[in-house]
Protein backbone atom coordinates (compact mmCIF):
# COMPACT_ATOMS: atom_id res chain seq x y z
CA MET A 1 209.73 -151.16 -126.61
CA GLU A 2 210.73 -148.44 -124.16
CA LYS A 3 208.81 -148.57 -120.89
CA LYS A 4 206.52 -145.57 -120.40
CA ARG A 5 207.73 -143.32 -117.60
CA LYS A 6 205.32 -142.51 -114.80
CA ASN A 7 203.86 -139.08 -114.24
CA ILE A 8 204.43 -137.56 -110.80
CA VAL A 9 202.24 -135.50 -108.47
CA TRP A 10 204.43 -134.21 -105.62
CA PHE A 11 202.14 -132.69 -102.99
CA CYS A 12 204.07 -130.99 -100.17
CA THR A 13 202.28 -129.11 -97.41
CA ASP A 14 204.02 -126.63 -95.13
CA GLN A 15 204.51 -127.31 -91.41
CA GLN A 16 202.26 -130.39 -91.08
CA ARG A 17 202.93 -132.80 -88.21
CA TRP A 18 203.32 -136.52 -88.75
CA ASP A 19 200.39 -137.35 -86.44
CA THR A 20 197.66 -135.49 -88.36
CA ILE A 21 196.26 -138.35 -90.45
CA HIS A 22 193.16 -140.20 -89.27
CA SER A 23 194.00 -143.67 -90.58
CA LEU A 24 197.49 -143.47 -89.09
CA GLY A 25 196.18 -142.98 -85.58
CA ASN A 26 194.63 -139.53 -85.08
CA PRO A 27 190.97 -139.82 -83.93
CA TYR A 28 190.41 -136.04 -83.80
CA ILE A 29 190.75 -135.29 -87.51
CA HIS A 30 188.96 -136.42 -90.67
CA THR A 31 191.25 -137.06 -93.65
CA PRO A 32 189.37 -139.52 -95.92
CA ASN A 33 191.38 -138.67 -99.03
CA ILE A 34 194.81 -138.93 -97.43
CA ASP A 35 193.50 -142.11 -95.78
CA ARG A 36 192.70 -143.41 -99.24
CA LEU A 37 196.28 -142.77 -100.34
CA VAL A 38 197.49 -144.71 -97.29
CA GLU A 39 195.40 -147.71 -98.37
CA GLU A 40 196.48 -147.41 -102.01
CA GLY A 41 200.17 -146.93 -101.35
CA VAL A 42 203.06 -147.07 -98.90
CA ALA A 43 202.87 -145.01 -95.71
CA PHE A 44 206.32 -144.32 -94.27
CA THR A 45 205.47 -144.02 -90.58
CA ARG A 46 208.99 -143.03 -89.50
CA ALA A 47 210.03 -140.38 -92.01
CA TYR A 48 212.20 -137.48 -90.79
CA THR A 49 213.06 -134.07 -92.17
CA GLN A 50 216.70 -133.00 -92.40
CA ALA A 51 215.91 -129.54 -91.03
CA PRO A 52 213.02 -128.28 -88.87
CA ILE A 53 212.83 -125.10 -91.00
CA CYS A 54 211.38 -124.53 -94.52
CA THR A 55 214.23 -123.53 -96.85
CA PRO A 56 216.94 -125.96 -95.63
CA SER A 57 214.44 -128.81 -95.73
CA ARG A 58 213.15 -127.96 -99.21
CA ALA A 59 216.65 -127.53 -100.61
CA CYS A 60 217.49 -130.93 -99.17
CA PHE A 61 214.63 -132.97 -100.58
CA LEU A 62 214.74 -131.22 -103.96
CA THR A 63 218.46 -131.96 -104.42
CA GLY A 64 218.85 -135.23 -102.52
CA ARG A 65 221.64 -133.57 -100.53
CA TYR A 66 221.87 -132.57 -96.89
CA PRO A 67 221.30 -128.89 -95.99
CA ARG A 68 224.87 -128.12 -94.97
CA THR A 69 226.17 -129.58 -98.23
CA THR A 70 223.83 -127.42 -100.31
CA LYS A 71 224.97 -124.36 -98.29
CA THR A 72 221.27 -123.64 -97.80
CA ILE A 73 221.13 -123.63 -94.03
CA PHE A 74 218.65 -120.85 -93.27
CA ASN A 75 215.57 -119.03 -94.49
CA GLY A 76 216.16 -115.71 -96.25
CA ASN A 77 218.97 -116.62 -98.66
CA GLU A 78 219.85 -114.04 -101.30
CA ASN A 79 220.48 -116.75 -103.92
CA PHE A 80 220.45 -120.50 -104.31
CA SER A 81 223.80 -122.04 -105.22
CA LYS A 82 224.31 -122.47 -108.97
CA ASP A 83 226.28 -125.62 -108.20
CA GLU A 84 223.21 -127.44 -106.87
CA LYS A 85 220.99 -129.48 -109.20
CA LEU A 86 217.32 -129.91 -108.40
CA VAL A 87 215.75 -133.26 -109.22
CA THR A 88 213.10 -131.36 -111.20
CA LYS A 89 215.84 -129.95 -113.43
CA LEU A 90 217.40 -133.39 -113.86
CA LEU A 91 214.03 -134.86 -114.84
CA ALA A 92 213.31 -131.95 -117.18
CA ASP A 93 216.62 -132.60 -118.92
CA GLU A 94 215.47 -136.19 -119.47
CA GLY A 95 212.18 -135.27 -121.11
CA TYR A 96 209.81 -134.51 -118.24
CA THR A 97 207.72 -131.35 -118.36
CA CYS A 98 207.82 -129.97 -114.82
CA GLY A 99 205.41 -127.54 -113.23
CA LEU A 100 204.88 -125.86 -109.87
CA ALA A 101 201.85 -124.39 -108.11
CA GLY A 102 202.41 -122.63 -104.78
CA LYS A 103 205.64 -121.87 -102.97
CA LEU A 104 209.21 -122.91 -103.77
CA HIS A 105 211.20 -121.16 -101.01
CA LEU A 106 214.77 -121.90 -101.98
CA THR A 107 215.61 -118.20 -101.59
CA SER A 108 214.14 -115.32 -99.64
CA ALA A 109 210.52 -114.41 -100.38
CA GLU A 110 210.29 -111.59 -97.82
CA GLY A 111 209.01 -108.50 -99.59
CA ARG A 112 209.92 -109.86 -103.00
CA VAL A 113 209.26 -112.67 -105.42
CA GLU A 114 212.04 -115.12 -104.74
CA LYS A 115 214.91 -115.39 -107.20
CA ARG A 116 214.62 -118.59 -109.18
CA CYS A 117 217.49 -120.94 -109.88
CA ASP A 118 217.66 -123.26 -112.90
CA ASP A 119 214.86 -125.31 -111.37
CA GLY A 120 213.47 -127.12 -114.42
CA TYR A 121 209.94 -125.75 -114.03
CA SER A 122 208.46 -124.60 -117.35
CA TYR A 123 205.06 -124.01 -115.72
CA PHE A 124 205.38 -121.75 -112.68
CA GLN A 125 202.33 -120.54 -110.77
CA TYR A 126 203.95 -118.87 -107.77
CA SER A 127 202.51 -117.87 -104.42
CA HIS A 128 204.84 -118.18 -101.47
CA HIS A 129 202.02 -117.26 -99.09
CA PRO A 130 198.49 -115.98 -99.66
CA HIS A 131 198.95 -112.49 -98.22
CA ASN A 132 198.85 -109.67 -100.78
CA ASP A 133 202.47 -108.59 -100.34
CA TRP A 134 203.60 -108.04 -103.92
CA LYS A 135 201.92 -105.21 -105.79
CA ASP A 136 203.67 -105.99 -109.08
CA GLY A 137 201.60 -109.07 -109.85
CA GLY A 138 204.18 -111.45 -108.44
CA ASN A 139 201.64 -113.46 -106.42
CA ASP A 140 199.77 -115.59 -108.95
CA TYR A 141 197.18 -116.56 -106.36
CA GLN A 142 196.29 -112.90 -105.88
CA ASN A 143 196.13 -112.49 -109.67
CA TRP A 144 193.63 -115.37 -109.75
CA LEU A 145 191.47 -113.65 -107.14
CA ASN A 146 191.59 -110.41 -109.10
CA GLU A 147 190.39 -112.23 -112.21
CA LYS A 148 187.38 -113.37 -110.19
CA GLY A 149 186.69 -109.83 -109.02
CA VAL A 150 187.53 -110.79 -105.44
CA HIS A 151 189.50 -108.46 -103.19
CA TRP A 152 191.41 -110.49 -100.65
CA GLU A 153 191.61 -107.66 -98.12
CA GLU A 154 187.82 -107.49 -97.97
CA ILE A 155 187.20 -111.19 -97.30
CA TYR A 156 190.19 -112.08 -95.11
CA GLY A 157 189.67 -112.02 -91.35
CA GLY A 158 193.10 -113.03 -90.09
CA LYS A 159 195.42 -111.22 -87.73
CA PHE A 160 197.98 -110.06 -90.32
CA MET A 161 197.51 -108.34 -93.66
CA THR A 162 201.06 -108.79 -94.91
CA MET A 163 204.06 -110.98 -94.17
CA ALA A 164 206.41 -108.92 -96.35
CA THR A 165 208.06 -107.55 -93.22
CA TRP A 166 208.74 -109.03 -89.82
CA PRO A 167 206.89 -108.65 -87.56
CA PRO A 168 203.95 -108.95 -89.98
CA GLN A 169 201.66 -106.00 -90.60
CA ALA A 170 198.51 -106.23 -88.49
CA ASN A 171 195.00 -106.35 -89.94
CA PRO A 172 193.08 -103.34 -88.56
CA ALA A 173 189.80 -105.22 -89.06
CA PHE A 174 190.90 -108.25 -87.03
CA SER A 175 188.02 -109.43 -84.83
CA GLY A 176 190.14 -111.40 -82.40
CA LYS A 177 189.50 -114.75 -84.06
CA GLN A 178 191.50 -116.05 -87.02
CA VAL A 179 189.17 -116.57 -89.99
CA GLY A 180 190.49 -117.17 -93.47
CA VAL A 181 188.89 -116.58 -96.83
CA PRO A 182 186.05 -118.90 -97.92
CA ALA A 183 187.21 -122.27 -99.22
CA GLN A 184 186.48 -121.50 -102.87
CA TYR A 185 188.92 -118.57 -102.71
CA HIS A 186 191.59 -120.24 -100.60
CA GLN A 187 195.22 -120.51 -101.69
CA THR A 188 195.13 -124.31 -101.31
CA THR A 189 192.09 -124.41 -103.62
CA TRP A 190 193.99 -122.27 -106.13
CA CYS A 191 197.03 -124.58 -105.93
CA VAL A 192 194.95 -127.61 -106.85
CA GLU A 193 193.07 -125.76 -109.60
CA LYS A 194 196.35 -124.72 -111.23
CA THR A 195 197.67 -128.25 -110.80
CA ILE A 196 194.68 -129.67 -112.65
CA ASP A 197 195.12 -127.04 -115.38
CA PHE A 198 198.73 -128.15 -115.83
CA ILE A 199 197.92 -131.86 -115.96
CA GLU A 200 195.05 -131.25 -118.38
CA SER A 201 197.41 -129.40 -120.70
CA ARG A 202 199.83 -132.36 -120.69
CA ARG A 203 197.30 -135.21 -120.68
CA ASN A 204 197.35 -136.10 -124.37
CA THR A 205 200.95 -135.25 -125.22
CA GLY A 206 202.34 -138.70 -124.48
CA GLU A 207 205.23 -137.09 -122.62
CA PRO A 208 205.91 -137.56 -118.89
CA TRP A 209 205.25 -134.73 -116.47
CA LEU A 210 205.85 -133.77 -112.84
CA ILE A 211 203.90 -131.19 -110.86
CA SER A 212 205.00 -129.81 -107.48
CA VAL A 213 201.93 -128.83 -105.46
CA ASN A 214 203.11 -126.61 -102.60
CA PRO A 215 200.34 -124.87 -100.62
CA PHE A 216 201.20 -122.62 -97.69
CA ASP A 217 198.81 -124.48 -95.35
CA PRO A 218 198.85 -125.45 -92.52
CA HIS A 219 201.61 -122.94 -91.74
CA PRO A 220 200.67 -120.19 -89.24
CA PRO A 221 198.79 -117.93 -89.03
CA LEU A 222 196.10 -120.56 -88.53
CA ASP A 223 193.21 -119.04 -90.47
CA PRO A 224 190.99 -121.75 -91.96
CA PRO A 225 187.66 -120.87 -93.57
CA GLN A 226 184.83 -120.56 -91.08
CA GLU A 227 183.03 -123.56 -92.58
CA TYR A 228 186.01 -125.75 -91.70
CA LYS A 229 186.18 -124.41 -88.16
CA ASP A 230 182.52 -125.34 -87.80
CA ARG A 231 183.26 -128.99 -88.62
CA LEU A 232 185.22 -129.51 -85.42
CA SER A 233 184.30 -128.95 -81.79
CA ILE A 234 186.88 -127.22 -79.60
CA GLU A 235 185.98 -129.30 -76.55
CA ASP A 236 186.71 -132.51 -78.49
CA MET A 237 190.27 -131.46 -79.28
CA PRO A 238 193.36 -132.71 -77.39
CA LEU A 239 195.72 -130.71 -75.23
CA PRO A 240 199.43 -130.42 -76.10
CA LEU A 241 201.96 -132.88 -74.68
CA TRP A 242 203.18 -131.60 -71.33
CA GLU A 243 204.41 -133.01 -68.03
CA ASP A 244 204.83 -130.85 -64.96
CA GLY A 245 208.51 -130.33 -64.21
CA GLU A 246 209.70 -131.53 -67.63
CA MET A 247 211.64 -128.31 -68.31
CA GLU A 248 214.05 -129.14 -65.50
CA GLY A 249 217.15 -130.32 -67.31
CA LYS A 250 215.95 -129.15 -70.72
CA PRO A 251 218.09 -126.72 -72.80
CA PRO A 252 218.05 -123.06 -71.65
CA HIS A 253 216.49 -121.71 -74.85
CA GLN A 254 213.54 -124.07 -74.43
CA GLN A 255 213.04 -123.04 -70.81
CA LYS A 256 213.10 -119.41 -71.95
CA ASP A 257 210.67 -120.03 -74.82
CA VAL A 258 208.12 -121.70 -72.57
CA ILE A 259 207.91 -118.36 -70.75
CA GLN A 260 208.29 -115.87 -73.62
CA GLY A 261 206.73 -117.88 -76.46
CA GLY A 262 207.94 -120.45 -78.98
CA GLN A 263 210.26 -119.60 -81.87
CA ASP A 264 212.34 -117.41 -79.55
CA GLY A 265 209.39 -115.35 -78.36
CA GLN A 266 207.65 -114.88 -81.72
CA ALA A 267 204.75 -117.22 -80.93
CA GLU A 268 202.27 -116.79 -78.10
CA PRO A 269 203.54 -117.78 -74.63
CA ILE A 270 201.70 -120.93 -73.65
CA GLY A 271 201.29 -119.61 -70.12
CA SER A 272 199.00 -116.89 -71.44
CA LEU A 273 196.59 -119.43 -72.94
CA THR A 274 193.71 -121.24 -71.29
CA ASP A 275 193.13 -124.93 -71.95
CA GLU A 276 190.26 -123.94 -74.23
CA GLU A 277 192.58 -121.73 -76.26
CA LYS A 278 195.13 -124.54 -76.54
CA ARG A 279 192.38 -126.84 -77.84
CA GLU A 280 191.26 -124.09 -80.19
CA HIS A 281 194.76 -124.02 -81.66
CA PHE A 282 194.42 -127.71 -82.53
CA ARG A 283 190.92 -127.13 -83.89
CA ASP A 284 192.18 -124.46 -86.29
CA TYR A 285 195.25 -126.49 -87.25
CA TYR A 286 193.18 -129.59 -87.97
CA ALA A 287 190.60 -127.50 -89.85
CA GLU A 288 193.32 -126.30 -92.22
CA ILE A 289 194.45 -129.88 -92.77
CA GLU A 290 190.86 -130.97 -93.48
CA LEU A 291 190.74 -128.26 -96.16
CA ILE A 292 193.98 -129.67 -97.58
CA ASP A 293 192.44 -133.14 -97.53
CA ASP A 294 189.35 -132.01 -99.44
CA GLN A 295 191.44 -130.34 -102.13
CA PHE A 296 193.80 -133.31 -102.29
CA GLY A 297 190.72 -135.48 -102.82
CA ARG A 298 189.62 -133.18 -105.64
CA LEU A 299 192.97 -133.84 -107.33
CA LEU A 300 192.70 -137.63 -106.86
CA GLU A 301 189.15 -137.55 -108.26
CA TYR A 302 190.40 -135.73 -111.35
CA LEU A 303 193.13 -138.34 -111.89
CA ASP A 304 190.54 -141.11 -111.48
CA ARG A 305 188.05 -139.49 -113.85
CA THR A 306 190.65 -138.99 -116.57
CA GLY A 307 192.11 -142.49 -116.27
CA GLN A 308 195.52 -141.33 -115.02
CA ARG A 309 195.50 -142.48 -111.40
CA GLU A 310 196.85 -146.02 -111.88
CA ASP A 311 200.02 -144.86 -113.61
CA THR A 312 200.71 -141.67 -111.67
CA ILE A 313 203.13 -141.57 -108.75
CA VAL A 314 201.45 -139.51 -106.03
CA ILE A 315 203.52 -138.26 -103.09
CA PHE A 316 201.98 -136.63 -100.02
CA MET A 317 204.41 -135.12 -97.51
CA SER A 318 205.40 -132.03 -95.56
CA ASP A 319 208.66 -130.12 -95.24
CA HIS A 320 208.63 -130.22 -91.42
CA GLY A 321 206.17 -130.26 -88.54
CA GLU A 322 204.82 -127.87 -85.91
CA MET A 323 205.25 -127.86 -82.12
CA SER A 324 201.52 -127.14 -81.49
CA GLY A 325 202.13 -126.40 -77.82
CA ASP A 326 203.96 -129.66 -77.08
CA HIS A 327 206.51 -129.11 -74.31
CA GLY A 328 205.13 -125.59 -73.91
CA LEU A 329 206.27 -124.49 -77.40
CA TYR A 330 204.55 -123.27 -80.55
CA TRP A 331 205.76 -122.93 -84.15
CA LYS A 332 209.39 -124.03 -84.77
CA GLY A 333 213.02 -123.27 -84.01
CA ALA A 334 216.03 -125.07 -82.57
CA TYR A 335 213.90 -127.98 -81.43
CA PHE A 336 214.04 -131.61 -82.54
CA TYR A 337 210.93 -132.97 -80.87
CA GLU A 338 208.81 -135.47 -82.78
CA GLY A 339 206.13 -132.90 -83.56
CA LEU A 340 208.66 -130.88 -85.55
CA VAL A 341 211.04 -133.34 -87.26
CA HIS A 342 208.81 -136.40 -87.76
CA VAL A 343 206.77 -135.82 -90.93
CA PRO A 344 204.07 -137.50 -93.04
CA LEU A 345 205.24 -139.32 -96.16
CA ILE A 346 202.91 -141.44 -98.29
CA ILE A 347 203.64 -142.60 -101.84
CA SER A 348 201.30 -144.41 -104.21
CA CYS A 349 201.26 -145.69 -107.77
CA PRO A 350 198.71 -148.54 -107.91
CA SER A 351 200.04 -150.14 -111.10
CA VAL A 352 203.56 -150.53 -109.71
CA PHE A 353 203.85 -149.96 -105.96
CA LYS A 354 202.62 -152.01 -103.03
CA GLN A 355 199.25 -151.03 -101.59
CA GLY A 356 198.25 -150.76 -97.95
CA LEU A 357 201.84 -151.13 -96.76
CA ARG A 358 202.87 -149.44 -93.51
CA CYS A 359 206.64 -149.07 -93.64
CA ASP A 360 208.17 -148.54 -90.20
CA ALA A 361 211.77 -148.31 -91.44
CA LEU A 362 213.65 -145.09 -90.77
CA VAL A 363 213.73 -142.92 -93.90
CA GLU A 364 214.72 -139.32 -94.60
CA LEU A 365 213.30 -136.69 -96.95
CA VAL A 366 216.75 -136.55 -98.57
CA ASP A 367 215.92 -140.01 -99.95
CA ILE A 368 213.02 -138.80 -102.11
CA ALA A 369 215.06 -137.31 -104.98
CA PRO A 370 217.11 -140.47 -105.66
CA THR A 371 213.91 -142.51 -105.39
CA LEU A 372 212.29 -140.38 -108.10
CA MET A 373 215.31 -140.79 -110.33
CA GLU A 374 215.11 -144.57 -110.02
CA ALA A 375 211.33 -144.51 -110.50
CA ALA A 376 211.88 -142.63 -113.77
CA GLY A 377 214.30 -145.33 -114.94
CA LEU A 378 217.29 -143.02 -114.60
CA GLU A 379 220.64 -143.46 -112.91
CA VAL A 380 220.88 -141.87 -109.47
CA PRO A 381 223.54 -139.14 -109.78
CA TYR A 382 226.76 -139.70 -107.87
CA PHE A 383 226.39 -136.36 -106.05
CA MET A 384 223.09 -137.23 -104.37
CA GLN A 385 223.57 -138.15 -100.73
CA GLY A 386 220.15 -139.68 -100.18
CA LYS A 387 219.42 -143.35 -100.72
CA SER A 388 216.65 -144.58 -103.00
CA PHE A 389 213.88 -146.53 -101.25
CA TYR A 390 212.30 -147.55 -104.57
CA GLY A 391 212.70 -151.19 -103.58
CA ILE A 392 210.45 -150.68 -100.56
CA LEU A 393 207.76 -149.17 -102.80
CA THR A 394 207.83 -152.15 -105.17
CA GLY A 395 208.01 -154.74 -102.39
CA GLU A 396 211.53 -155.86 -103.24
CA ALA A 397 213.18 -154.46 -100.09
CA ASP A 398 212.56 -154.87 -96.37
CA PRO A 399 209.93 -152.34 -95.17
CA HIS A 400 211.17 -152.69 -91.60
CA HIS A 401 214.78 -151.61 -92.03
CA PHE A 402 216.33 -149.12 -94.42
CA LYS A 403 218.75 -146.94 -92.44
CA ASP A 404 220.36 -147.39 -89.05
CA ALA A 405 219.70 -143.75 -88.11
CA VAL A 406 218.29 -140.46 -89.36
CA TYR A 407 219.80 -137.03 -89.09
CA SER A 408 218.58 -133.43 -88.87
CA GLU A 409 220.31 -130.08 -88.43
CA PHE A 410 219.67 -126.49 -87.37
CA TYR A 411 222.26 -123.80 -88.05
CA HIS A 412 220.86 -120.43 -86.88
CA CYS A 413 218.14 -121.03 -89.46
CA LEU A 414 215.76 -118.14 -88.76
CA ARG A 415 216.41 -114.44 -88.32
CA GLY A 416 215.63 -113.47 -84.75
CA THR A 417 215.26 -117.10 -83.68
CA HIS A 418 217.97 -118.93 -81.75
CA GLU A 419 220.65 -117.24 -83.84
CA ASP A 420 223.37 -118.42 -81.45
CA ILE A 421 222.48 -122.10 -81.84
CA ASP A 422 223.94 -124.70 -84.19
CA ALA A 423 222.62 -128.16 -83.48
CA THR A 424 222.34 -131.64 -84.97
CA MET A 425 220.03 -134.54 -84.18
CA TYR A 426 220.87 -138.23 -84.45
CA TYR A 427 218.06 -140.77 -83.99
CA ASN A 428 218.53 -144.52 -84.28
CA GLY A 429 214.92 -145.54 -83.85
CA ARG A 430 215.09 -145.75 -80.08
CA TYR A 431 217.47 -143.11 -78.76
CA LYS A 432 217.38 -139.52 -79.92
CA LEU A 433 220.51 -137.43 -79.35
CA VAL A 434 220.63 -133.67 -79.86
CA ILE A 435 224.02 -131.94 -79.77
CA TYR A 436 224.21 -128.16 -79.40
CA HIS A 437 227.63 -127.48 -80.86
CA GLY A 438 229.87 -125.36 -78.66
CA LYS A 439 227.42 -125.65 -75.76
CA GLU A 440 227.56 -127.70 -72.57
CA PHE A 441 223.91 -128.79 -72.73
CA GLY A 442 222.21 -131.34 -74.96
CA GLU A 443 219.31 -133.76 -75.14
CA LEU A 444 218.97 -137.53 -74.97
CA TYR A 445 215.66 -139.40 -75.01
CA ASP A 446 214.78 -143.08 -74.86
CA HIS A 447 211.68 -143.59 -77.00
CA GLU A 448 211.11 -147.06 -75.58
CA THR A 449 210.48 -145.74 -72.07
CA ASP A 450 209.70 -142.10 -72.90
CA PRO A 451 208.04 -141.81 -76.35
CA ASN A 452 206.77 -138.30 -75.55
CA GLU A 453 210.29 -137.00 -74.81
CA PHE A 454 209.54 -135.62 -71.36
CA HIS A 455 212.71 -136.80 -69.61
CA ASN A 456 216.09 -135.54 -70.79
CA LEU A 457 218.81 -138.09 -69.96
CA TRP A 458 221.73 -135.93 -71.12
CA ASP A 459 223.08 -135.19 -67.63
CA LYS A 460 222.22 -138.54 -66.05
CA PRO A 461 225.47 -140.16 -64.79
CA GLU A 462 224.24 -143.66 -65.57
CA TYR A 463 223.96 -142.73 -69.26
CA GLU A 464 227.38 -141.07 -69.57
CA THR A 465 229.19 -143.97 -71.25
CA PHE A 466 226.28 -144.71 -73.55
CA LYS A 467 225.91 -141.03 -74.42
CA THR A 468 229.58 -140.86 -75.38
CA GLU A 469 229.09 -143.75 -77.79
CA LEU A 470 226.06 -142.04 -79.34
CA VAL A 471 228.01 -138.79 -79.69
CA ARG A 472 230.70 -140.69 -81.60
CA LYS A 473 228.10 -142.24 -83.91
CA SER A 474 226.48 -138.86 -84.41
CA PHE A 475 229.86 -137.34 -85.26
CA ASP A 476 230.53 -140.10 -87.79
CA HIS A 477 227.10 -139.51 -89.31
CA THR A 478 227.63 -135.75 -89.46
CA ILE A 479 230.94 -136.14 -91.27
CA LEU A 480 229.84 -138.87 -93.66
CA CYS A 481 226.43 -137.50 -94.61
CA ASN A 482 227.86 -134.04 -95.22
CA MET A 483 230.80 -135.20 -97.30
CA ASP A 484 230.36 -133.35 -100.58
CA ASN A 485 230.86 -135.77 -103.49
CA SER A 486 229.97 -133.26 -106.19
CA MET A 487 233.47 -133.44 -107.72
CA HIS A 488 233.34 -136.42 -110.08
CA ARG A 489 236.48 -138.58 -110.29
CA VAL A 490 237.30 -139.47 -113.89
CA TYR A 491 240.85 -140.91 -113.65
CA GLY A 492 243.02 -142.76 -111.18
CA PHE A 493 245.38 -139.84 -110.58
C-alpha cells in the first residue's frame, strides 16, 4: 500500500529576526503559538538566509538553488528565469495541489502585479503588500476588504499610503505615530483566512496539498494595530546592540549609513532618535510579530480541530531578518550581521518528526526545497544545490552538525541601496568572513569572543594568515555552491 504523502503548511514571514521567539530566548515578546511549534517540532537555531534581501532569498529557498545560480540577484526583476523550477511546481507535477496566500516576490511588484512564472500554484490569493497600489483588482487583500465594505484608506493610520513608487507616497492624514488597521482587517489575518479556505476545500479530497502562507509582516513600515501596541510597554523594550567606537574599522558604507540612515539613507538615521524612540521601534516590531503569532495560532487550532495537525508538515520561517538599530543601522542592505542573515526556522509534523528538538547545526534556507522533496517521498532533483536535512527531522541524523559553513550573498540587490557593492559571507559557526569583491575592506568576527560582532578583525595583523585561509575557503565555497548543475549528463561522452 502506497504511503500517504504529508500535507504542507509553509508559513514564511517577511523580515523577521531570528531572536524574536520567546521560547528560544527573547523575554520581551509573547509568542505562545510559535513556542508551541518549537515544542512540537525541530527548531533550527542556526539557520541562515542566502541573501539579506527578499527576492534573491525567496528564489533560493523555492528552487533549492543559490541566488547567483538562479540569476535572481536583486529585487525588481522584470521576469523570473524560465529555466528555474520551483519546488511547488515539482510537487504539483507529482500530484500535490499547491496554493499561495500573500506575496510571492520572484519578480518586481512595484506599481504592478508581479509576473508569474510556472510556479505550480493553482490557488493564488495575491497581495505583495497591504497598501492599495493596484486599482485593477490585483491586490486580493484589498478585494477582501471591499467585500466587507471596508475602505482601507479610511482606517489606516500609517505614514505611507502607497508603495507603488519609491519613495512611497505619504499619507496626508498621518498623525506622527504608525498605526495599522484593526486586527480583524489586517493583511496577516486575511492571509490565514484564505489559507484556511484553501485547506478546507482540499480536506476531503484524499489528495496531498501545500499552501504557502506569505504575509508582509513584520516588514516596515511598522504599523501594527493599536491593540497590539497596547500589549507592550515601551520602557520594557531593549535598546539595539551598540558599542561606542565600534564603527572604527567597519566598512565605509556602514559608517556612512550610521549617519545618514540604514539601507543607504532610506531608513531613519539612528542619531536622530532618542532611546525611547529606539525602544518604540522594538515595541512596534514585536507587536507585529505578536499579531503574526496569534494568526499562526488560529491556523494551528484549525488543523487541530479538523484532525489534520498530526500528519501536516508545518514550517515557520522568514526570508531574512532586520537590523532593528543594531550597529546603528535599520532595515537591510549590504550587511551580514546576525540580525539580518540569521533567521527563524521551525519544522513540525508530530506523527513523523522529532518533538522538542533544538538543532544547533548550521543549515541554510536553500536546504528546505530538497528536504520537502524527500519528505514527499520523491527523489531530490540533481539540479538542486541545497542538501536535505530530512534525517535531522526524523532523528536519524546528527542535530549538531550538518554543514561545515553557511553562505550568503549581496549583489547590488536593491535600487538606490549600495549599488556599487557585491559581497559574500562565509560563516563556519565561529568565524564570520565578509568579502566585498573589488574592495580593499572586509569584515571578520570571532563569535566565541565577540558574539555581538562589535570588533572587526579584518585589518588586525595577527589575523592576517588566518584570514587568508578563510578567504580561500570562502572562495572554494563560492565556486562550488554556485556551480550550475542544471545540465543533466546522460552519456559518457
